[in-house]
Amino acid sequence: MGRDFCVTCPNEEEEEIQLAAAYLDKKIQEVRAEGKFVDSDRIAIIAALGITHELLMMRHGTGFDIDEFKRRIVSLKKKVDDAITKKEA
């Protein structure tokens, strides 16, 4: 949402945190693009609810495609790596 945050985590979790942040940002952008919500708090909450729903669907074994999930992870990792490379340049 145009803001940077510093998150403290163990070094071995840094990549996963970056992937999670990229995924959350994607969901926030999707909610924002729908144009139904203007308030940033509501946009963040709706995005979080969507992600939570995905998690619950995965836990219950419904509506979850593991291959699509893996493709998304690879795609998000590439985007994060590209963003970090650009920032370091």
PDB file of N, CA and C in Angstrom:
ATOM      1  N   MET A   1       0.831  -1.186   0.000  1.00  0.00           N
ATOM      2  CA  MET A   1       0.000   0.000   0.000  1.00  0.00           C
ATOM      3  C   MET A   1       0.875   1.249   0.000  1.00  0.00           C
ATOM      4  N   GLY A   2       2.068   1.082  -0.577  1.00  0.00           N
ATOM      5  CA  GLY A   2       2.955   2.215  -0.697  1.00  0.00           C
ATOM      6  C   GLY A   2       3.770   2.523   0.541  1.00  0.00           C
ATOM      7  N   ARG A   3       3.779   1.599   1.489  1.00  0.00           N
ATOM      8  CA  ARG A   3       4.546   1.821   2.720  1.00  0.00           C
ATOM      9  C   ARG A   3       5.508   0.665   2.927  1.00  0.00           C
ATOM     10  N   ASP A   4       6.669   0.975   3.480  1.00  0.00           N
ATOM     11  CA  ASP A   4       7.649  -0.055   3.804  1.00  0.00           C
ATOM     12  C   ASP A   4       7.618  -0.330   5.297  1.00  0.00           C
ATOM     13  N   PHE A   5       7.839  -1.586   5.646  1.00  0.00           N
ATOM     14  CA  PHE A   5       7.881  -1.978   7.041  1.00  0.00           C
ATOM     15  C   PHE A   5       9.147  -2.784   7.284  1.00  0.00           C
ATOM     16  N   CYS A   6       9.714  -2.617   8.436  1.00  0.00           N
ATOM     17  CA  CYS A   6      10.853  -3.415   8.849  1.00  0.00           C
ATOM     18  C   CYS A   6      10.324  -4.504   9.777  1.00  0.00           C
ATOM     19  N   VAL A   7      10.545  -5.748   9.392  1.00  0.00           N
ATOM     20  CA  VAL A   7      10.060  -6.883  10.168  1.00  0.00           C
ATOM     21  C   VAL A   7      11.267  -7.684  10.629  1.00  0.00           C
ATOM     22  N   THR A   8      11.364  -7.896  11.922  1.00  0.00           N
ATOM     23  CA  THR A   8      12.443  -8.685  12.470  1.00  0.00           C
ATOM     24  C   THR A   8      12.049 -10.152  12.448  1.00  0.00           C
ATOM     25  N   CYS A   9      12.931 -10.983  11.900  1.00  0.00           N
ATOM     26  CA  CYS A   9      12.671 -12.418  11.854  1.00  0.00           C
ATOM     27  C   CYS A   9      14.010 -13.137  11.777  1.00  0.00           C
ATOM     28  N   PRO A  10      14.010 -14.419  12.100  1.00  0.00           N
ATOM     29  CA  PRO A  10      15.247 -15.199  11.947  1.00  0.00           C
ATOM     30  C   PRO A  10      15.676 -15.204  10.481  1.00  0.00           C
ATOM     31  N   ASN A  11      16.970 -15.241  10.233  1.00  0.00           N
ATOM     32  CA  ASN A  11      17.492 -15.212   8.858  1.00  0.00           C
ATOM     33  C   ASN A  11      16.899 -16.297   7.982  1.00  0.00           C
ATOM     34  N   GLU A  12      16.670 -17.478   8.548  1.00  0.00           N
ATOM     35  CA  GLU A  12      16.148 -18.580   7.742  1.00  0.00           C
ATOM     36  C   GLU A  12      14.689 -18.385   7.341  1.00  0.00           C
ATOM     37  N   GLU A  13      14.000 -17.414   7.932  1.00  0.00           N
ATOM     38  CA  GLU A  13      12.607 -17.141   7.584  1.00  0.00           C
ATOM     39  C   GLU A  13      12.452 -15.926   6.674  1.00  0.00           C
ATOM     40  N   GLU A  14      13.537 -15.249   6.378  1.00  0.00           N
ATOM     41  CA  GLU A  14      13.460 -13.996   5.622  1.00  0.00           C
ATOM     42  C   GLU A  14      12.819 -14.180   4.246  1.00  0.00           C
ATOM     43  N   GLU A  15      13.211 -15.209   3.531  1.00  0.00           N
ATOM     44  CA  GLU A  15      12.666 -15.429   2.192  1.00  0.00           C
ATOM     45  C   GLU A  15      11.158 -15.680   2.242  1.00  0.00           C
ATOM     46  N   GLU A  16      10.722 -16.479   3.212  1.00  0.00           N
ATOM     47  CA  GLU A  16       9.297 -16.764   3.334  1.00  0.00           C
ATOM     48  C   GLU A  16       8.504 -15.519   3.708  1.00  0.00           C
ATOM     49  N   ILE A  17       9.078 -14.676   4.557  1.00  0.00           N
ATOM     50  CA  ILE A  17       8.416 -13.423   4.935  1.00  0.00           C
ATOM     51  C   ILE A  17       8.289 -12.519   3.710  1.00  0.00           C
ATOM     52  N   GLN A  18       9.338 -12.466   2.894  1.00  0.00           N
ATOM     53  CA  GLN A  18       9.276 -11.652   1.684  1.00  0.00           C
ATOM     54  C   GLN A  18       8.222 -12.187   0.715  1.00  0.00           C
ATOM     55  N   LEU A  19       8.126 -13.503   0.602  1.00  0.00           N
ATOM     56  CA  LEU A  19       7.091 -14.096  -0.251  1.00  0.00           C
ATOM     57  C   LEU A  19       5.706 -13.778   0.282  1.00  0.00           C
ATOM     58  N   ALA A  20       5.553 -13.866   1.599  1.00  0.00           N
ATOM     59  CA  ALA A  20       4.256 -13.551   2.215  1.00  0.00           C
ATOM     60  C   ALA A  20       3.891 -12.092   1.972  1.00  0.00           C
ATOM     61  N   ALA A  21       4.867 -11.198   2.109  1.00  0.00           N
ATOM     62  CA  ALA A  21       4.614  -9.770   1.895  1.00  0.00           C
ATOM     63  C   ALA A  21       4.227  -9.506   0.437  1.00  0.00           C
ATOM     64  N   ALA A  22       4.902 -10.158  -0.480  1.00  0.00           N
ATOM     65  CA  ALA A  22       4.577  -9.984  -1.902  1.00  0.00           C
ATOM     66  C   ALA A  22       3.176 -10.512  -2.200  1.00  0.00           C
ATOM     67  N   TYR A  23       2.824 -11.627  -1.595  1.00  0.00           N
ATOM     68  CA  TYR A  23       1.496 -12.200  -1.805  1.00  0.00           C
ATOM     69  C   TYR A  23       0.419 -11.284  -1.229  1.00  0.00           C
ATOM     70  N   LEU A  24       0.669 -10.781  -0.037  1.00  0.00           N
ATOM     71  CA  LEU A  24      -0.275  -9.846   0.590  1.00  0.00           C
ATOM     72  C   LEU A  24      -0.424  -8.593  -0.270  1.00  0.00           C
ATOM     73  N   ASP A  25       0.678  -8.070  -0.763  1.00  0.00           N
ATOM     74  CA  ASP A  25       0.614  -6.873  -1.601  1.00  0.00           C
ATOM     75  C   ASP A  25      -0.201  -7.141  -2.865  1.00  0.00           C
ATOM     76  N   LYS A  26      -0.029  -8.321  -3.457  1.00  0.00           N
ATOM     77  CA  LYS A  26      -0.812  -8.678  -4.645  1.00  0.00           C
ATOM     78  C   LYS A  26      -2.297  -8.686  -4.319  1.00  0.00           C
ATOM     79  N   LYS A  27      -2.653  -9.283  -3.203  1.00  0.00           N
ATOM     80  CA  LYS A  27      -4.064  -9.343  -2.802  1.00  0.00           C
ATOM     81  C   LYS A  27      -4.603  -7.945  -2.510  1.00  0.00           C
ATOM     82  N   ILE A  28      -3.807  -7.093  -1.884  1.00  0.00           N
ATOM     83  CA  ILE A  28      -4.220  -5.711  -1.611  1.00  0.00           C
ATOM     84  C   ILE A  28      -4.470  -4.975  -2.927  1.00  0.00           C
ATOM     85  N   GLN A  29      -3.582  -5.163  -3.896  1.00  0.00           N
ATOM     86  CA  GLN A  29      -3.745  -4.499  -5.191  1.00  0.00           C
ATOM     87  C   GLN A  29      -5.005  -4.999  -5.902  1.00  0.00           C
ATOM     88  N   GLU A  30      -5.314  -6.292  -5.761  1.00  0.00           N
ATOM     89  CA  GLU A  30      -6.530  -6.831  -6.361  1.00  0.00           C
ATOM     90  C   GLU A  30      -7.773  -6.199  -5.736  1.00  0.00           C
ATOM     91  N   VAL A  31      -7.783  -6.081  -4.404  1.00  0.00           N
ATOM     92  CA  VAL A  31      -8.926  -5.468  -3.716  1.00  0.00           C
ATOM     93  C   VAL A  31      -9.045  -4.004  -4.120  1.00  0.00           C
ATOM     94  N   ARG A  32      -7.924  -3.314  -4.144  1.00  0.00           N
ATOM     95  CA  ARG A  32      -7.915  -1.894  -4.524  1.00  0.00           C
ATOM     96  C   ARG A  32      -8.428  -1.722  -5.955  1.00  0.00           C
ATOM     97  N   ALA A  33      -8.040  -2.616  -6.855  1.00  0.00           N
ATOM     98  CA  ALA A  33      -8.442  -2.513  -8.267  1.00  0.00           C
ATOM     99  C   ALA A  33      -9.948  -2.698  -8.438  1.00  0.00           C
ATOM    100  N   GLU A  34     -10.571  -3.447  -7.539  1.00  0.00           N
ATOM    101  CA  GLU A  34     -12.022  -3.629  -7.619  1.00  0.00           C
ATOM    102  C   GLU A  34     -12.744  -2.307  -7.407  1.00  0.00           C
ATOM    103  N   GLY A  35     -12.121  -1.390  -6.666  1.00  0.00           N
ATOM    104  CA  GLY A  35     -12.680  -0.061  -6.466  1.00  0.00           C
ATOM    105  C   GLY A  35     -13.842   0.024  -5.507  1.00  0.00           C
ATOM    106  N   LYS A  36     -14.149  -1.060  -4.797  1.00  0.00           N
ATOM    107  CA  LYS A  36     -15.275  -1.045  -3.870  1.00  0.00           C
ATOM    108  C   LYS A  36     -14.918  -0.385  -2.546  1.00  0.00           C
ATOM    109  N   PHE A  37     -13.633  -0.371  -2.222  1.00  0.00           N
ATOM    110  CA  PHE A  37     -13.183   0.172  -0.944  1.00  0.00           C
ATOM    111  C   PHE A  37     -12.130   1.244  -1.192  1.00  0.00           C
ATOM    112  N   VAL A  38     -12.186   2.295  -0.409  1.00  0.00           N
ATOM    113  CA  VAL A  38     -11.234   3.386  -0.543  1.00  0.00           C
ATOM    114  C   VAL A  38     -10.321   3.438   0.678  1.00  0.00           C
ATOM    115  N   ASP A  39     -10.878   3.183   1.833  1.00  0.00           N
ATOM    116  CA  ASP A  39     -10.144   3.258   3.094  1.00  0.00           C
ATOM    117  C   ASP A  39      -9.067   2.170   3.142  1.00  0.00           C
ATOM    118  N   SER A  40      -7.823   2.562   3.425  1.00  0.00           N
ATOM    119  CA  SER A  40      -6.709   1.607   3.403  1.00  0.00           C
ATOM    120  C   SER A  40      -6.860   0.506   4.446  1.00  0.00           C
ATOM    121  N   ASP A  41      -7.439   0.819   5.600  1.00  0.00           N
ATOM    122  CA  ASP A  41      -7.657  -0.216   6.614  1.00  0.00           C
ATOM    123  C   ASP A  41      -8.621  -1.276   6.097  1.00  0.00           C
ATOM    124  N   ARG A  42      -9.678  -0.855   5.458  1.00  0.00           N
ATOM    125  CA  ARG A  42     -10.658  -1.815   4.921  1.00  0.00           C
ATOM    126  C   ARG A  42     -10.042  -2.652   3.803  1.00  0.00           C
ATOM    127  N   ILE A  43      -9.251  -2.021   2.960  1.00  0.00           N
ATOM    128  CA  ILE A  43      -8.589  -2.754   1.879  1.00  0.00           C
ATOM    129  C   ILE A  43      -7.701  -3.847   2.471  1.00  0.00           C
ATOM    130  N   ALA A  44      -6.910  -3.507   3.493  1.00  0.00           N
ATOM    131  CA  ALA A  44      -6.024  -4.488   4.125  1.00  0.00           C
ATOM    132  C   ALA A  44      -6.817  -5.610   4.779  1.00  0.00           C
ATOM    133  N   ILE A  45      -7.912  -5.274   5.425  1.00  0.00           N
ATOM    134  CA  ILE A  45      -8.733  -6.291   6.096  1.00  0.00           C
ATOM    135  C   ILE A  45      -9.374  -7.223   5.073  1.00  0.00           C
ATOM    136  N   ILE A  46      -9.905  -6.686   3.988  1.00  0.00           N
ATOM    137  CA  ILE A  46     -10.529  -7.521   2.958  1.00  0.00           C
ATOM    138  C   ILE A  46      -9.480  -8.441   2.328  1.00  0.00           C
ATOM    139  N   ALA A  47      -8.284  -7.925   2.074  1.00  0.00           N
ATOM    140  CA  ALA A  47      -7.212  -8.762   1.528  1.00  0.00           C
ATOM    141  C   ALA A  47      -6.846  -9.872   2.509  1.00  0.00           C
ATOM    142  N   ALA A  48      -6.734  -9.535   3.791  1.00  0.00           N
ATOM    143  CA  ALA A  48      -6.409 -10.536   4.814  1.00  0.00           C
ATOM    144  C   ALA A  48      -7.503 -11.590   4.919  1.00  0.00           C
ATOM    145  N   LEU A  49      -8.747 -11.178   4.808  1.00  0.00           N
ATOM    146  CA  LEU A  49      -9.847 -12.142   4.839  1.00  0.00           C
ATOM    147  C   LEU A  49      -9.781 -13.093   3.642  1.00  0.00           C
ATOM    148  N   GLY A  50      -9.439 -12.558   2.489  1.00  0.00           N
ATOM    149  CA  GLY A  50      -9.303 -13.400   1.303  1.00  0.00           C
ATOM    150  C   GLY A  50      -8.203 -14.438   1.471  1.00  0.00           C
ATOM    151  N   ILE A  51      -7.082 -14.016   2.013  1.00  0.00           N
ATOM    152  CA  ILE A  51      -5.972 -14.937   2.244  1.00  0.00           C
ATOM    153  C   ILE A  51      -6.359 -15.979   3.289  1.00  0.00           C
ATOM    154  N   THR A  52      -7.030 -15.546   4.343  1.00  0.00           N
ATOM    155  CA  THR A  52      -7.481 -16.478   5.376  1.00  0.00           C
ATOM    156  C   THR A  52      -8.442 -17.499   4.795  1.00  0.00           C
ATOM    157  N   HIS A  53      -9.340 -17.044   3.934  1.00  0.00           N
ATOM    158  CA  HIS A  53     -10.268 -17.951   3.282  1.00  0.00           C
ATOM    159  C   HIS A  53      -9.517 -18.995   2.463  1.00  0.00           C
ATOM    160  N   GLU A  54      -8.514 -18.569   1.711  1.00  0.00           N
ATOM    161  CA  GLU A  54      -7.694 -19.499   0.936  1.00  0.00           C
ATOM    162  C   GLU A  54      -7.050 -20.539   1.847  1.00  0.00           C
ATOM    163  N   LEU A  55      -6.518 -20.094   2.970  1.00  0.00           N
ATOM    164  CA  LEU A  55      -5.877 -21.004   3.922  1.00  0.00           C
ATOM    165  C   LEU A  55      -6.871 -22.028   4.458  1.00  0.00           C
ATOM    166  N   LEU A  56      -8.045 -21.554   4.843  1.00  0.00           N
ATOM    167  CA  LEU A  56      -9.055 -22.466   5.372  1.00  0.00           C
ATOM    168  C   LEU A  56      -9.508 -23.475   4.315  1.00  0.00           C
ATOM    169  N   MET A  57      -9.638 -23.020   3.075  1.00  0.00           N
ATOM    170  CA  MET A  57     -10.005 -23.937   1.988  1.00  0.00           C
ATOM    171  C   MET A  57      -8.921 -24.998   1.815  1.00  0.00           C
ATOM    172  N   MET A  58      -7.674 -24.586   1.921  1.00  0.00           N
ATOM    173  CA  MET A  58      -6.560 -25.516   1.791  1.00  0.00           C
ATOM    174  C   MET A  58      -6.587 -26.541   2.927  1.00  0.00           C
ATOM    175  N   ARG A  59      -6.825 -26.081   4.133  1.00  0.00           N
ATOM    176  CA  ARG A  59      -6.854 -26.977   5.288  1.00  0.00           C
ATOM    177  C   ARG A  59      -7.980 -27.992   5.189  1.00  0.00           C
ATOM    178  N   HIS A  60      -9.081 -27.588   4.584  1.00  0.00           N
ATOM    179  CA  HIS A  60     -10.230 -28.484   4.457  1.00  0.00           C
ATOM    180  C   HIS A  60     -10.193 -29.292   3.168  1.00  0.00           C
ATOM    181  N   GLY A  61      -9.147 -29.075   2.372  1.00  0.00           N
ATOM    182  CA  GLY A  61      -8.974 -29.871   1.161  1.00  0.00           C
ATOM    183  C   GLY A  61      -9.933 -29.552   0.040  1.00  0.00           C
ATOM    184  N   THR A  62     -10.529 -28.361   0.058  1.00  0.00           N
ATOM    185  CA  THR A  62     -11.458 -28.003  -1.007  1.00  0.00           C
ATOM    186  C   THR A  62     -10.937 -26.810  -1.784  1.00  0.00           C
ATOM    187  N   GLY A  63     -11.084 -26.873  -3.059  1.00  0.00           N
ATOM    188  CA  GLY A  63     -10.748 -25.727  -3.897  1.00  0.00           C
ATOM    189  C   GLY A  63      -9.282 -25.348  -3.902  1.00  0.00           C
ATOM    190  N   PHE A  64      -8.401 -26.321  -3.684  1.00  0.00           N
ATOM    191  CA  PHE A  64      -6.980 -25.984  -3.628  1.00  0.00           C
ATOM    192  C   PHE A  64      -6.223 -26.803  -4.656  1.00  0.00           C
ATOM    193  N   ASP A  65      -5.477 -26.127  -5.477  1.00  0.00           N
ATOM    194  CA  ASP A  65      -4.671 -26.765  -6.520  1.00  0.00           C
ATOM    195  C   ASP A  65      -3.203 -26.579  -6.149  1.00  0.00           C
ATOM    196  N   ILE A  66      -2.552 -27.643  -5.678  1.00  0.00           N
ATOM    197  CA  ILE A  66      -1.174 -27.550  -5.202  1.00  0.00           C
ATOM    198  C   ILE A  66      -0.225 -27.117  -6.318  1.00  0.00           C
ATOM    199  N   ASP A  67      -0.467 -27.574  -7.552  1.00  0.00           N
ATOM    200  CA  ASP A  67       0.409 -27.171  -8.656  1.00  0.00           C
ATOM    201  C   ASP A  67       0.296 -25.672  -8.935  1.00  0.00           C
ATOM    202  N   GLU A  68      -0.915 -25.141  -8.880  1.00  0.00           N
ATOM    203  CA  GLU A  68      -1.100 -23.694  -9.056  1.00  0.00           C
ATOM    204  C   GLU A  68      -0.420 -22.932  -7.925  1.00  0.00           C
ATOM    205  N   PHE A  69      -0.526 -23.459  -6.721  1.00  0.00           N
ATOM    206  CA  PHE A  69       0.117 -22.834  -5.568  1.00  0.00           C
ATOM    207  C   PHE A  69       1.626 -22.789  -5.762  1.00  0.00           C
ATOM    208  N   LYS A  70       2.207 -23.870  -6.229  1.00  0.00           N
ATOM    209  CA  LYS A  70       3.654 -23.916  -6.472  1.00  0.00           C
ATOM    210  C   LYS A  70       4.048 -22.913  -7.560  1.00  0.00           C
ATOM    211  N   ARG A  71       3.239 -22.828  -8.622  1.00  0.00           N
ATOM    212  CA  ARG A  71       3.526 -21.855  -9.688  1.00  0.00           C
ATOM    213  C   ARG A  71       3.474 -20.431  -9.144  1.00  0.00           C
ATOM    214  N   ARG A  72       2.514 -20.161  -8.273  1.00  0.00           N
ATOM    215  CA  ARG A  72       2.406 -18.825  -7.676  1.00  0.00           C
ATOM    216  C   ARG A  72       3.625 -18.509  -6.819  1.00  0.00           C
ATOM    217  N   ILE A  73       4.081 -19.486  -6.054  1.00  0.00           N
ATOM    218  CA  ILE A  73       5.255 -19.274  -5.202  1.00  0.00           C
ATOM    219  C   ILE A  73       6.469 -18.949  -6.058  1.00  0.00           C
ATOM    220  N   VAL A  74       6.673 -19.710  -7.124  1.00  0.00           N
ATOM    221  CA  VAL A  74       7.808 -19.460  -8.015  1.00  0.00           C
ATOM    222  C   VAL A  74       7.698 -18.067  -8.622  1.00  0.00           C
ATOM    223  N   SER A  75       6.501 -17.706  -9.076  1.00  0.00           N
ATOM    224  CA  SER A  75       6.287 -16.389  -9.667  1.00  0.00           C
ATOM    225  C   SER A  75       6.541 -15.268  -8.659  1.00  0.00           C
ATOM    226  N   LEU A  76       6.013 -15.430  -7.449  1.00  0.00           N
ATOM    227  CA  LEU A  76       6.214 -14.411  -6.414  1.00  0.00           C
ATOM    228  C   LEU A  76       7.684 -14.294  -6.019  1.00  0.00           C
ATOM    229  N   LYS A  77       8.360 -15.428  -5.938  1.00  0.00           N
ATOM    230  CA  LYS A  77       9.776 -15.406  -5.589  1.00  0.00           C
ATOM    231  C   LYS A  77      10.561 -14.631  -6.638  1.00  0.00           C
ATOM    232  N   LYS A  78      10.248 -14.858  -7.913  1.00  0.00           N
ATOM    233  CA  LYS A  78      10.932 -14.133  -8.983  1.00  0.00           C
ATOM    234  C   LYS A  78      10.668 -12.631  -8.872  1.00  0.00           C
ATOM    235  N   LYS A  79       9.429 -12.255  -8.611  1.00  0.00           N
ATOM    236  CA  LYS A  79       9.097 -10.838  -8.485  1.00  0.00           C
ATOM    237  C   LYS A  79       9.839 -10.205  -7.307  1.00  0.00           C
ATOM    238  N   VAL A  80       9.893 -10.909  -6.196  1.00  0.00           N
ATOM    239  CA  VAL A  80      10.606 -10.390  -5.016  1.00  0.00           C
ATOM    240  C   VAL A  80      12.093 -10.264  -5.327  1.00  0.00           C
ATOM    241  N   ASP A  81      12.671 -11.305  -5.940  1.00  0.00           N
ATOM    242  CA  ASP A  81      14.089 -11.247  -6.292  1.00  0.00           C
ATOM    243  C   ASP A  81      14.371 -10.085  -7.233  1.00  0.00           C
ATOM    244  N   ASP A  82      13.509  -9.888  -8.227  1.00  0.00           N
ATOM    245  CA  ASP A  82      13.683  -8.778  -9.169  1.00  0.00           C
ATOM    246  C   ASP A  82      13.600  -7.430  -8.464  1.00  0.00           C
ATOM    247  N   ALA A  83      12.646  -7.299  -7.549  1.00  0.00           N
ATOM    248  CA  ALA A  83      12.486  -6.044  -6.809  1.00  0.00           C
ATOM    249  C   ALA A  83      13.701  -5.777  -5.935  1.00  0.00           C
ATOM    250  N   ILE A  84      14.216  -6.799  -5.292  1.00  0.00           N
ATOM    251  CA  ILE A  84      15.399  -6.626  -4.442  1.00  0.00           C
ATOM    252  C   ILE A  84      16.611  -6.254  -5.289  1.00  0.00           C
ATOM    253  N   THR A  85      16.757  -6.908  -6.428  1.00  0.00           N
ATOM    254  CA  THR A  85      17.871  -6.600  -7.323  1.00  0.00           C
ATOM    255  C   THR A  85      17.804  -5.155  -7.793  1.00  0.00           C
ATOM    256  N   LYS A  86      16.623  -4.687  -8.165  1.00  0.00           N
ATOM    257  CA  LYS A  86      16.450  -3.298  -8.601  1.00  0.00           C
ATOM    258  C   LYS A  86      16.762  -2.327  -7.476  1.00  0.00           C
ATOM    259  N   LYS A  87      16.346  -2.664  -6.271  1.00  0.00           N
ATOM    260  CA  LYS A  87      16.573  -1.782  -5.127  1.00  0.00           C
ATOM    261  C   LYS A  87      18.049  -1.690  -4.777  1.00  0.00           C
ATOM    262  N   GLU A  88      18.776  -2.807  -4.926  1.00  0.00           N
ATOM    263  CA  GLU A  88      20.196  -2.832  -4.602  1.00  0.00           C
ATOM    264  C   GLU A  88      21.025  -2.134  -5.670  1.00  0.00           C
ATOM    265  N   ALA A  89      20.486  -2.024  -6.885  1.00  0.00           N
ATOM    266  CA  ALA A  89      21.252  -1.415  -7.996  1.00  0.00           C
ATOM    267  C   ALA A  89      21.341   0.076  -7.864  1.00  0.00           C
TER     268      ALA A  89
END
